[in-house]
Amino acid sequence: MELVYLQTFCEVARRRSITRAAEELGYAQSSVTIQIQKLEKEYGAPLLERYGRQMRLTPPGEKLYTLAVQMLELYKQSKESVAGYAGGTLVIGAIDSLAAYFLPPYLRQLRQLFPELTIQLQPDRESHIIGKVKDGEYDIGLLLDAKPADSALECQALREEPLVLVAPAGHPLAGQPHIGLHDLNGLELIMSEESCVYRGMFEKVLQESGIAFTALFELGNPEAVKQCAVNGLGLALLPQMVVAEDIRQGRLVALPFSHPDIRFDLQYLIHPRKWMSQPLQTLIRLLGRGQE
């Protein structure tokens, strides 16, 4: 049995679709189907079943998926240990703001150090990143949170990432020497999606202090939130990395506002049994140097 069959099976399991797995792997759909059929014949059990428009794992398929992830991980480990191989694929899950504004310079350095390495950067929600690191789909996850994201994973804080309350240039609050919670009463705020960690922090503080506000939008992308603020649609709370260039160029103004309960860290997550390949170790080292 070829390892490629297990790789294909894992891709189908993750994407819950033979079509999407074939597109990701660059195979014909028929080729993926044949590989799954050969695996089912090898193991003497059905591994996948159709559930509505998606595929899902059968109980034997769930068992094989868990083992296949471990086998493929051991295969990667053997290649690097025996032959010093530093190619392959590194899959990184990151929330949108980190994928767009933080990671690209580090990925450029990593690509220069390991030219044979394929890097997959997957923007995702925090809850999905945690689950996919646990399942072995992501080699490493990066997110922003106020506490370790999950006790079952190794979570390492890299630095505190400041949150900035921004307003469009010319906003009445822009000239104030200090902004308190009472200054936000009755204002229009542009909100990130409900699952966003810092939105939850901000709303909790406002509500506990009895501050009335209007949430104009619920936007899943920090760039969309920022652009709404730039165009005068309201105030927005965003990570500093997202708005730094716009503040420098005068499109936004950073208001002098802070609160001890509205803070979080940039952190990375890895599975405690994850094989630490040379590229993964190097990426973590590069991220750590960013604190210096």
C-alpha atoms as a PDB file:
ATOM      1  CA  MET A   1       0.000   0.000   0.000  1.00  0.00           C
ATOM      2  CA  GLU A   2       1.397   3.382  -0.998  1.00  0.00           C
ATOM      3  CA  LEU A   3       1.564   6.283   1.415  1.00  0.00           C
ATOM      4  CA  VAL A   4       0.072   8.491  -1.269  1.00  0.00           C
ATOM      5  CA  TYR A   5      -3.227   6.647  -0.765  1.00  0.00           C
ATOM      6  CA  LEU A   6      -3.211   7.625   2.897  1.00  0.00           C
ATOM      7  CA  GLN A   7      -2.380  11.219   1.993  1.00  0.00           C
ATOM      8  CA  THR A   8      -5.305  11.278  -0.417  1.00  0.00           C
ATOM      9  CA  PHE A   9      -7.611   9.699   2.143  1.00  0.00           C
ATOM     10  CA  CYS A  10      -6.653  12.322   4.753  1.00  0.00           C
ATOM     11  CA  GLU A  11      -7.293  15.140   2.277  1.00  0.00           C
ATOM     12  CA  VAL A  12     -10.769  13.767   1.481  1.00  0.00           C
ATOM     13  CA  ALA A  13     -11.474  13.378   5.202  1.00  0.00           C
ATOM     14  CA  ARG A  14     -10.449  16.965   5.939  1.00  0.00           C
ATOM     15  CA  ARG A  15     -12.359  18.532   3.066  1.00  0.00           C
ATOM     16  CA  ARG A  16     -15.321  16.143   3.225  1.00  0.00           C
ATOM     17  CA  SER A  17     -15.362  16.087  -0.540  1.00  0.00           C
ATOM     18  CA  ILE A  18     -13.652  13.992  -3.208  1.00  0.00           C
ATOM     19  CA  THR A  19     -13.988  16.881  -5.671  1.00  0.00           C
ATOM     20  CA  ARG A  20     -12.325  19.454  -3.406  1.00  0.00           C
ATOM     21  CA  ALA A  21      -9.613  16.983  -2.391  1.00  0.00           C
ATOM     22  CA  ALA A  22      -8.864  16.271  -6.059  1.00  0.00           C
ATOM     23  CA  GLU A  23      -8.595  20.014  -6.761  1.00  0.00           C
ATOM     24  CA  GLU A  24      -6.241  20.539  -3.818  1.00  0.00           C
ATOM     25  CA  LEU A  25      -4.025  17.564  -4.752  1.00  0.00           C
ATOM     26  CA  GLY A  26      -4.051  18.221  -8.482  1.00  0.00           C
ATOM     27  CA  TYR A  27      -5.513  14.787  -9.269  1.00  0.00           C
ATOM     28  CA  ALA A  28      -8.393  13.774 -11.479  1.00  0.00           C
ATOM     29  CA  GLN A  29     -11.501  13.061  -9.426  1.00  0.00           C
ATOM     30  CA  SER A  30     -11.533   9.505 -10.727  1.00  0.00           C
ATOM     31  CA  SER A  31      -7.978   8.985  -9.456  1.00  0.00           C
ATOM     32  CA  VAL A  32      -9.003  10.009  -5.934  1.00  0.00           C
ATOM     33  CA  THR A  33     -11.994   7.672  -6.061  1.00  0.00           C
ATOM     34  CA  ILE A  34      -9.806   4.750  -7.174  1.00  0.00           C
ATOM     35  CA  GLN A  35      -7.289   5.378  -4.378  1.00  0.00           C
ATOM     36  CA  ILE A  36     -10.062   5.390  -1.762  1.00  0.00           C
ATOM     37  CA  GLN A  37     -11.488   2.173  -3.220  1.00  0.00           C
ATOM     38  CA  LYS A  38      -8.068   0.510  -3.014  1.00  0.00           C
ATOM     39  CA  LEU A  39      -7.760   1.528   0.623  1.00  0.00           C
ATOM     40  CA  GLU A  40     -11.199   0.143   1.404  1.00  0.00           C
ATOM     41  CA  LYS A  41     -10.241  -3.133  -0.278  1.00  0.00           C
ATOM     42  CA  GLU A  42      -6.963  -3.228   1.660  1.00  0.00           C
ATOM     43  CA  TYR A  43      -8.685  -2.725   5.007  1.00  0.00           C
ATOM     44  CA  GLY A  44     -11.853  -4.641   4.160  1.00  0.00           C
ATOM     45  CA  ALA A  45     -14.157  -1.910   5.421  1.00  0.00           C
ATOM     46  CA  PRO A  46     -15.979   1.155   4.058  1.00  0.00           C
ATOM     47  CA  LEU A  47     -14.075   4.304   5.021  1.00  0.00           C
ATOM     48  CA  LEU A  48     -16.338   7.053   3.682  1.00  0.00           C
ATOM     49  CA  GLU A  49     -20.059   7.538   3.256  1.00  0.00           C
ATOM     50  CA  ARG A  50     -22.098  10.272   1.619  1.00  0.00           C
ATOM     51  CA  TYR A  51     -23.942  12.605   3.996  1.00  0.00           C
ATOM     52  CA  GLY A  52     -26.086  15.035   2.033  1.00  0.00           C
ATOM     53  CA  ARG A  53     -23.726  16.825  -0.334  1.00  0.00           C
ATOM     54  CA  GLN A  54     -20.652  15.971   1.725  1.00  0.00           C
ATOM     55  CA  MET A  55     -18.642  12.889   2.566  1.00  0.00           C
ATOM     56  CA  ARG A  56     -18.103  11.805   6.124  1.00  0.00           C
ATOM     57  CA  LEU A  57     -15.977   9.166   7.771  1.00  0.00           C
ATOM     58  CA  THR A  58     -17.464   5.841   8.813  1.00  0.00           C
ATOM     59  CA  PRO A  59     -16.362   4.523  12.245  1.00  0.00           C
ATOM     60  CA  PRO A  60     -13.569   2.460  10.588  1.00  0.00           C
ATOM     61  CA  GLY A  61     -12.656   5.561   8.581  1.00  0.00           C
ATOM     62  CA  GLU A  62     -12.349   7.643  11.754  1.00  0.00           C
ATOM     63  CA  LYS A  63      -9.958   5.066  13.231  1.00  0.00           C
ATOM     64  CA  LEU A  64      -7.880   4.964  10.065  1.00  0.00           C
ATOM     65  CA  TYR A  65      -7.748   8.766   9.844  1.00  0.00           C
ATOM     66  CA  THR A  66      -6.267   9.028  13.340  1.00  0.00           C
ATOM     67  CA  LEU A  67      -3.651   6.387  12.525  1.00  0.00           C
ATOM     68  CA  ALA A  68      -2.942   7.757   9.032  1.00  0.00           C
ATOM     69  CA  VAL A  69      -2.096  11.207  10.429  1.00  0.00           C
ATOM     70  CA  GLN A  70       0.411   9.551  12.782  1.00  0.00           C
ATOM     71  CA  MET A  71       1.890   7.381  10.015  1.00  0.00           C
ATOM     72  CA  LEU A  72       2.364  10.316   7.667  1.00  0.00           C
ATOM     73  CA  GLU A  73       3.938  12.318  10.475  1.00  0.00           C
ATOM     74  CA  LEU A  74       6.382   9.474  11.165  1.00  0.00           C
ATOM     75  CA  TYR A  75       7.187   9.307   7.469  1.00  0.00           C
ATOM     76  CA  LYS A  76       8.065  13.012   7.446  1.00  0.00           C
ATOM     77  CA  GLN A  77      10.176  12.476  10.557  1.00  0.00           C
ATOM     78  CA  SER A  78      12.047   9.551   8.982  1.00  0.00           C
ATOM     79  CA  LYS A  79      12.903  11.514   5.839  1.00  0.00           C
ATOM     80  CA  GLU A  80      14.352  14.381   7.799  1.00  0.00           C
ATOM     81  CA  SER A  81      16.156  12.221  10.353  1.00  0.00           C
ATOM     82  CA  VAL A  82      17.719   9.835   7.856  1.00  0.00           C
ATOM     83  CA  ALA A  83      18.414  12.075   4.875  1.00  0.00           C
ATOM     84  CA  GLY A  84      18.418  15.581   6.334  1.00  0.00           C
ATOM     85  CA  TYR A  85      15.419  16.363   4.138  1.00  0.00           C
ATOM     86  CA  ALA A  86      13.950  19.829   4.753  1.00  0.00           C
ATOM     87  CA  GLY A  87      11.424  20.022   1.947  1.00  0.00           C
ATOM     88  CA  GLY A  88       7.853  18.829   2.046  1.00  0.00           C
ATOM     89  CA  THR A  89       4.954  21.003   3.146  1.00  0.00           C
ATOM     90  CA  LEU A  90       4.474  23.246   6.170  1.00  0.00           C
ATOM     91  CA  VAL A  91       0.820  24.109   6.839  1.00  0.00           C
ATOM     92  CA  ILE A  92       0.170  27.209   8.937  1.00  0.00           C
ATOM     93  CA  GLY A  93      -3.240  28.216  10.236  1.00  0.00           C
ATOM     94  CA  ALA A  94      -3.616  31.867  11.240  1.00  0.00           C
ATOM     95  CA  ILE A  95      -6.391  34.337  11.894  1.00  0.00           C
ATOM     96  CA  ASP A  96      -6.908  36.896   9.113  1.00  0.00           C
ATOM     97  CA  SER A  97      -5.035  39.804  10.706  1.00  0.00           C
ATOM     98  CA  LEU A  98      -1.909  37.708  11.338  1.00  0.00           C
ATOM     99  CA  ALA A  99      -2.040  36.107   7.886  1.00  0.00           C
ATOM    100  CA  ALA A 100      -2.226  39.506   6.190  1.00  0.00           C
ATOM    101  CA  TYR A 101      -0.177  41.847   8.399  1.00  0.00           C
ATOM    102  CA  PHE A 102       2.248  39.776  10.466  1.00  0.00           C
ATOM    103  CA  LEU A 103       3.370  36.559   8.818  1.00  0.00           C
ATOM    104  CA  PRO A 104       4.502  37.504   5.251  1.00  0.00           C
ATOM    105  CA  PRO A 105       8.019  38.759   6.200  1.00  0.00           C
ATOM    106  CA  TYR A 106       8.659  35.598   8.240  1.00  0.00           C
ATOM    107  CA  LEU A 107       7.445  33.387   5.404  1.00  0.00           C
ATOM    108  CA  ARG A 108       9.812  35.152   3.019  1.00  0.00           C
ATOM    109  CA  GLN A 109      12.745  34.399   5.335  1.00  0.00           C
ATOM    110  CA  LEU A 110      11.626  30.789   5.723  1.00  0.00           C
ATOM    111  CA  ARG A 111      11.317  30.378   1.955  1.00  0.00           C
ATOM    112  CA  GLN A 112      14.855  31.690   1.487  1.00  0.00           C
ATOM    113  CA  LEU A 113      16.226  29.228   4.054  1.00  0.00           C
ATOM    114  CA  PHE A 114      14.273  26.239   2.679  1.00  0.00           C
ATOM    115  CA  PRO A 115      13.747  26.759  -1.064  1.00  0.00           C
ATOM    116  CA  GLU A 116      12.345  23.229  -1.495  1.00  0.00           C
ATOM    117  CA  LEU A 117       9.690  23.790   1.168  1.00  0.00           C
ATOM    118  CA  THR A 118       6.047  24.261   0.180  1.00  0.00           C
ATOM    119  CA  ILE A 119       4.321  26.678   2.565  1.00  0.00           C
ATOM    120  CA  GLN A 120       0.545  26.657   2.902  1.00  0.00           C
ATOM    121  CA  LEU A 121      -0.911  29.612   4.819  1.00  0.00           C
ATOM    122  CA  GLN A 122      -4.550  29.046   5.743  1.00  0.00           C
ATOM    123  CA  PRO A 123      -6.501  32.057   7.115  1.00  0.00           C
ATOM    124  CA  ASP A 124      -9.098  30.670   9.518  1.00  0.00           C
ATOM    125  CA  ARG A 125     -11.182  31.304  12.628  1.00  0.00           C
ATOM    126  CA  GLU A 126      -9.639  30.728  16.036  1.00  0.00           C
ATOM    127  CA  SER A 127     -11.882  27.775  16.908  1.00  0.00           C
ATOM    128  CA  HIS A 128     -11.103  26.100  13.568  1.00  0.00           C
ATOM    129  CA  ILE A 129      -7.364  26.657  14.006  1.00  0.00           C
ATOM    130  CA  ILE A 130      -7.404  24.999  17.431  1.00  0.00           C
ATOM    131  CA  GLY A 131      -9.309  21.993  16.107  1.00  0.00           C
ATOM    132  CA  LYS A 132      -7.110  21.572  13.041  1.00  0.00           C
ATOM    133  CA  VAL A 133      -3.885  21.772  15.074  1.00  0.00           C
ATOM    134  CA  LYS A 134      -5.317  19.040  17.322  1.00  0.00           C
ATOM    135  CA  ASP A 135      -6.212  16.917  14.289  1.00  0.00           C
ATOM    136  CA  GLY A 136      -2.810  17.373  12.666  1.00  0.00           C
ATOM    137  CA  GLU A 137      -4.207  19.265   9.685  1.00  0.00           C
ATOM    138  CA  TYR A 138      -2.182  22.358  10.624  1.00  0.00           C
ATOM    139  CA  ASP A 139       1.458  22.034  11.696  1.00  0.00           C
ATOM    140  CA  ILE A 140       1.208  25.261  13.686  1.00  0.00           C
ATOM    141  CA  GLY A 141      -1.509  27.775  14.498  1.00  0.00           C
ATOM    142  CA  LEU A 142      -1.180  31.485  15.181  1.00  0.00           C
ATOM    143  CA  LEU A 143      -3.822  33.614  16.832  1.00  0.00           C
ATOM    144  CA  LEU A 144      -4.515  36.429  19.268  1.00  0.00           C
ATOM    145  CA  ASP A 145      -5.972  35.622  22.666  1.00  0.00           C
ATOM    146  CA  ALA A 146      -5.857  36.827  26.252  1.00  0.00           C
ATOM    147  CA  LYS A 147      -5.045  33.383  27.670  1.00  0.00           C
ATOM    148  CA  PRO A 148      -3.625  30.075  26.431  1.00  0.00           C
ATOM    149  CA  ALA A 149      -6.048  29.045  23.720  1.00  0.00           C
ATOM    150  CA  ASP A 150      -6.332  25.360  24.653  1.00  0.00           C
ATOM    151  CA  SER A 151      -4.858  23.345  27.513  1.00  0.00           C
ATOM    152  CA  ALA A 152      -4.451  20.265  25.275  1.00  0.00           C
ATOM    153  CA  LEU A 153      -1.986  22.117  23.027  1.00  0.00           C
ATOM    154  CA  GLU A 154       1.367  23.749  23.621  1.00  0.00           C
ATOM    155  CA  CYS A 155       0.558  27.474  23.558  1.00  0.00           C
ATOM    156  CA  GLN A 156       3.406  29.967  23.604  1.00  0.00           C
ATOM    157  CA  ALA A 157       2.888  33.722  23.845  1.00  0.00           C
ATOM    158  CA  LEU A 158       5.246  35.674  21.577  1.00  0.00           C
ATOM    159  CA  ARG A 159       4.346  39.206  22.573  1.00  0.00           C
ATOM    160  CA  GLU A 160       1.454  41.409  23.634  1.00  0.00           C
ATOM    161  CA  GLU A 161      -0.254  42.857  20.579  1.00  0.00           C
ATOM    162  CA  PRO A 162      -1.669  46.332  21.344  1.00  0.00           C
ATOM    163  CA  LEU A 163      -5.280  47.039  20.479  1.00  0.00           C
ATOM    164  CA  VAL A 164      -5.985  50.492  19.092  1.00  0.00           C
ATOM    165  CA  LEU A 165      -9.287  52.364  19.023  1.00  0.00           C
ATOM    166  CA  VAL A 166      -9.222  54.278  15.756  1.00  0.00           C
ATOM    167  CA  ALA A 167     -11.352  57.038  14.291  1.00  0.00           C
ATOM    168  CA  PRO A 168     -11.419  58.686  10.866  1.00  0.00           C
ATOM    169  CA  ALA A 169      -9.348  61.837  10.515  1.00  0.00           C
ATOM    170  CA  GLY A 170     -11.327  64.820  11.745  1.00  0.00           C
ATOM    171  CA  HIS A 171     -13.469  62.887  14.225  1.00  0.00           C
ATOM    172  CA  PRO A 172     -14.540  65.036  17.251  1.00  0.00           C
ATOM    173  CA  LEU A 173     -12.719  62.718  19.683  1.00  0.00           C
ATOM    174  CA  ALA A 174      -9.448  62.910  17.765  1.00  0.00           C
ATOM    175  CA  GLY A 175      -8.180  65.973  19.632  1.00  0.00           C
ATOM    176  CA  GLN A 176      -8.961  64.740  23.144  1.00  0.00           C
ATOM    177  CA  PRO A 177      -5.965  64.180  25.490  1.00  0.00           C
ATOM    178  CA  HIS A 178      -7.647  61.118  27.008  1.00  0.00           C
ATOM    179  CA  ILE A 179     -10.619  58.948  26.065  1.00  0.00           C
ATOM    180  CA  GLY A 180     -12.557  57.171  28.815  1.00  0.00           C
ATOM    181  CA  LEU A 181     -15.422  54.734  28.553  1.00  0.00           C
ATOM    182  CA  HIS A 182     -17.947  57.531  29.151  1.00  0.00           C
ATOM    183  CA  ASP A 183     -16.700  59.279  25.995  1.00  0.00           C
ATOM    184  CA  LEU A 184     -17.898  56.306  23.936  1.00  0.00           C
ATOM    185  CA  ASN A 185     -21.483  56.496  25.188  1.00  0.00           C
ATOM    186  CA  GLY A 186     -23.926  56.745  22.302  1.00  0.00           C
ATOM    187  CA  LEU A 187     -21.305  56.414  19.557  1.00  0.00           C
ATOM    188  CA  GLU A 188     -21.427  54.229  16.466  1.00  0.00           C
ATOM    189  CA  LEU A 189     -18.913  51.372  16.499  1.00  0.00           C
ATOM    190  CA  ILE A 190     -17.809  49.109  13.667  1.00  0.00           C
ATOM    191  CA  MET A 191     -17.603  45.595  15.046  1.00  0.00           C
ATOM    192  CA  SER A 192     -15.709  42.501  14.017  1.00  0.00           C
ATOM    193  CA  GLU A 193     -17.659  39.250  13.752  1.00  0.00           C
ATOM    194  CA  GLU A 194     -19.189  37.862  16.938  1.00  0.00           C
ATOM    195  CA  SER A 195     -16.568  35.100  17.340  1.00  0.00           C
ATOM    196  CA  CYS A 196     -13.712  37.658  17.423  1.00  0.00           C
ATOM    197  CA  VAL A 197     -11.884  37.603  20.771  1.00  0.00           C
ATOM    198  CA  TYR A 198     -11.262  41.316  21.082  1.00  0.00           C
ATOM    199  CA  ARG A 199     -14.824  42.188  20.108  1.00  0.00           C
ATOM    200  CA  GLY A 200     -16.000  40.061  23.027  1.00  0.00           C
ATOM    201  CA  MET A 201     -13.601  41.846  25.378  1.00  0.00           C
ATOM    202  CA  PHE A 202     -14.707  45.282  24.163  1.00  0.00           C
ATOM    203  CA  GLU A 203     -18.429  44.556  24.364  1.00  0.00           C
ATOM    204  CA  LYS A 204     -18.116  43.062  27.843  1.00  0.00           C
ATOM    205  CA  VAL A 205     -16.318  46.144  29.184  1.00  0.00           C
ATOM    206  CA  LEU A 206     -18.834  48.513  27.576  1.00  0.00           C
ATOM    207  CA  GLN A 207     -21.855  46.574  28.817  1.00  0.00           C
ATOM    208  CA  GLU A 208     -20.524  46.179  32.376  1.00  0.00           C
ATOM    209  CA  SER A 209     -19.960  49.952  32.490  1.00  0.00           C
ATOM    210  CA  GLY A 210     -23.451  50.713  31.169  1.00  0.00           C
ATOM    211  CA  ILE A 211     -22.160  52.316  27.972  1.00  0.00           C
ATOM    212  CA  ALA A 212     -24.771  52.481  25.219  1.00  0.00           C
ATOM    213  CA  PHE A 213     -23.455  52.089  21.684  1.00  0.00           C
ATOM    214  CA  THR A 214     -24.631  51.253  18.203  1.00  0.00           C
ATOM    215  CA  ALA A 215     -22.930  48.337  16.451  1.00  0.00           C
ATOM    216  CA  LEU A 216     -23.181  49.339  12.802  1.00  0.00           C
ATOM    217  CA  PHE A 217     -21.672  46.297  11.155  1.00  0.00           C
ATOM    218  CA  GLU A 218     -20.458  42.802  11.957  1.00  0.00           C
ATOM    219  CA  LEU A 219     -17.564  42.201   9.585  1.00  0.00           C
ATOM    220  CA  GLY A 220     -15.450  39.060   9.497  1.00  0.00           C
ATOM    221  CA  ASN A 221     -12.390  40.629   7.899  1.00  0.00           C
ATOM    222  CA  PRO A 222     -10.227  43.192   9.771  1.00  0.00           C
ATOM    223  CA  GLU A 223      -9.422  44.939   6.486  1.00  0.00           C
ATOM    224  CA  ALA A 224     -13.147  45.514   5.918  1.00  0.00           C
ATOM    225  CA  VAL A 225     -13.523  46.903   9.458  1.00  0.00           C
ATOM    226  CA  LYS A 226     -10.584  49.225   8.878  1.00  0.00           C
ATOM    227  CA  GLN A 227     -11.845  50.503   5.534  1.00  0.00           C
ATOM    228  CA  CYS A 228     -15.243  51.312   7.050  1.00  0.00           C
ATOM    229  CA  ALA A 229     -13.475  53.356   9.725  1.00  0.00           C
ATOM    230  CA  VAL A 230     -11.340  55.129   7.118  1.00  0.00           C
ATOM    231  CA  ASN A 231     -14.540  56.100   5.293  1.00  0.00           C
ATOM    232  CA  GLY A 232     -16.063  57.694   8.371  1.00  0.00           C
ATOM    233  CA  LEU A 233     -18.612  55.044   9.307  1.00  0.00           C
ATOM    234  CA  GLY A 234     -17.645  54.853  12.969  1.00  0.00           C
ATOM    235  CA  LEU A 235     -14.944  53.935  15.477  1.00  0.00           C
ATOM    236  CA  ALA A 236     -13.204  50.571  15.392  1.00  0.00           C
ATOM    237  CA  LEU A 237     -11.048  48.571  17.799  1.00  0.00           C
ATOM    238  CA  LEU A 238      -8.331  46.716  15.900  1.00  0.00           C
ATOM    239  CA  PRO A 239      -4.867  45.188  16.454  1.00  0.00           C
ATOM    240  CA  GLN A 240      -2.157  47.778  16.000  1.00  0.00           C
ATOM    241  CA  MET A 241      -0.559  45.814  13.141  1.00  0.00           C
ATOM    242  CA  VAL A 242      -3.750  46.246  11.095  1.00  0.00           C
ATOM    243  CA  VAL A 243      -3.931  50.045  11.361  1.00  0.00           C
ATOM    244  CA  ALA A 244      -0.295  51.149  11.825  1.00  0.00           C
ATOM    245  CA  GLU A 245       0.246  52.228   8.202  1.00  0.00           C
ATOM    246  CA  ASP A 246      -3.091  54.048   7.985  1.00  0.00           C
ATOM    247  CA  ILE A 247      -2.300  55.967  11.179  1.00  0.00           C
ATOM    248  CA  ARG A 248       1.134  56.877   9.833  1.00  0.00           C
ATOM    249  CA  GLN A 249      -0.383  58.208   6.610  1.00  0.00           C
ATOM    250  CA  GLY A 250      -3.119  60.137   8.400  1.00  0.00           C
ATOM    251  CA  ARG A 251      -6.101  58.135   7.142  1.00  0.00           C
ATOM    252  CA  LEU A 252      -6.931  57.114  10.712  1.00  0.00           C
ATOM    253  CA  VAL A 253      -6.280  58.583  14.151  1.00  0.00           C
ATOM    254  CA  ALA A 254      -5.378  56.447  17.165  1.00  0.00           C
ATOM    255  CA  LEU A 255      -7.521  57.619  20.077  1.00  0.00           C
ATOM    256  CA  PRO A 256      -5.864  57.784  23.527  1.00  0.00           C
ATOM    257  CA  PHE A 257      -7.963  54.946  24.941  1.00  0.00           C
ATOM    258  CA  SER A 258      -6.931  51.839  26.857  1.00  0.00           C
ATOM    259  CA  HIS A 259      -8.438  49.456  29.394  1.00  0.00           C
ATOM    260  CA  PRO A 260      -6.750  46.696  31.436  1.00  0.00           C
ATOM    261  CA  ASP A 261      -9.403  44.149  30.427  1.00  0.00           C
ATOM    262  CA  ILE A 262      -8.913  44.769  26.707  1.00  0.00           C
ATOM    263  CA  ARG A 263      -5.572  43.181  25.888  1.00  0.00           C
ATOM    264  CA  PHE A 264      -4.255  39.987  24.365  1.00  0.00           C
ATOM    265  CA  ASP A 265      -1.144  38.147  23.221  1.00  0.00           C
ATOM    266  CA  LEU A 266       0.069  36.937  19.868  1.00  0.00           C
ATOM    267  CA  GLN A 267       0.623  33.225  20.419  1.00  0.00           C
ATOM    268  CA  TYR A 268       1.395  30.065  18.500  1.00  0.00           C
ATOM    269  CA  LEU A 269      -0.030  26.597  19.071  1.00  0.00           C
ATOM    270  CA  ILE A 270       1.427  23.188  18.277  1.00  0.00           C
ATOM    271  CA  HIS A 271       0.342  19.665  19.148  1.00  0.00           C
ATOM    272  CA  PRO A 272       2.414  18.307  22.075  1.00  0.00           C
ATOM    273  CA  ARG A 273       3.315  15.211  20.012  1.00  0.00           C
ATOM    274  CA  LYS A 274       4.067  17.146  16.851  1.00  0.00           C
ATOM    275  CA  TRP A 275       7.286  16.209  15.038  1.00  0.00           C
ATOM    276  CA  MET A 276       9.387  19.386  15.071  1.00  0.00           C
ATOM    277  CA  SER A 277      10.784  19.458  11.542  1.00  0.00           C
ATOM    278  CA  GLN A 278      13.662  21.770  10.666  1.00  0.00           C
ATOM    279  CA  PRO A 279      11.371  24.275   8.884  1.00  0.00           C
ATOM    280  CA  LEU A 280       8.911  24.301  11.793  1.00  0.00           C
ATOM    281  CA  GLN A 281      11.676  24.804  14.346  1.00  0.00           C
ATOM    282  CA  THR A 282      13.116  27.584  12.215  1.00  0.00           C
ATOM    283  CA  LEU A 283       9.766  29.357  11.863  1.00  0.00           C
ATOM    284  CA  ILE A 284       9.266  29.300  15.637  1.00  0.00           C
ATOM    285  CA  ARG A 285      12.776  30.644  16.112  1.00  0.00           C
ATOM    286  CA  LEU A 286      12.131  33.455  13.607  1.00  0.00           C
ATOM    287  CA  LEU A 287       8.875  34.363  15.326  1.00  0.00           C
ATOM    288  CA  GLY A 288      10.674  34.471  18.666  1.00  0.00           C
ATOM    289  CA  ARG A 289      13.319  36.823  17.290  1.00  0.00           C
ATOM    290  CA  GLY A 290      10.555  39.197  16.298  1.00  0.00           C
ATOM    291  CA  GLN A 291      10.209  40.046  19.981  1.00  0.00           C
ATOM    292  CA  GLU A 292      13.785  41.345  20.145  1.00  0.00           C
END
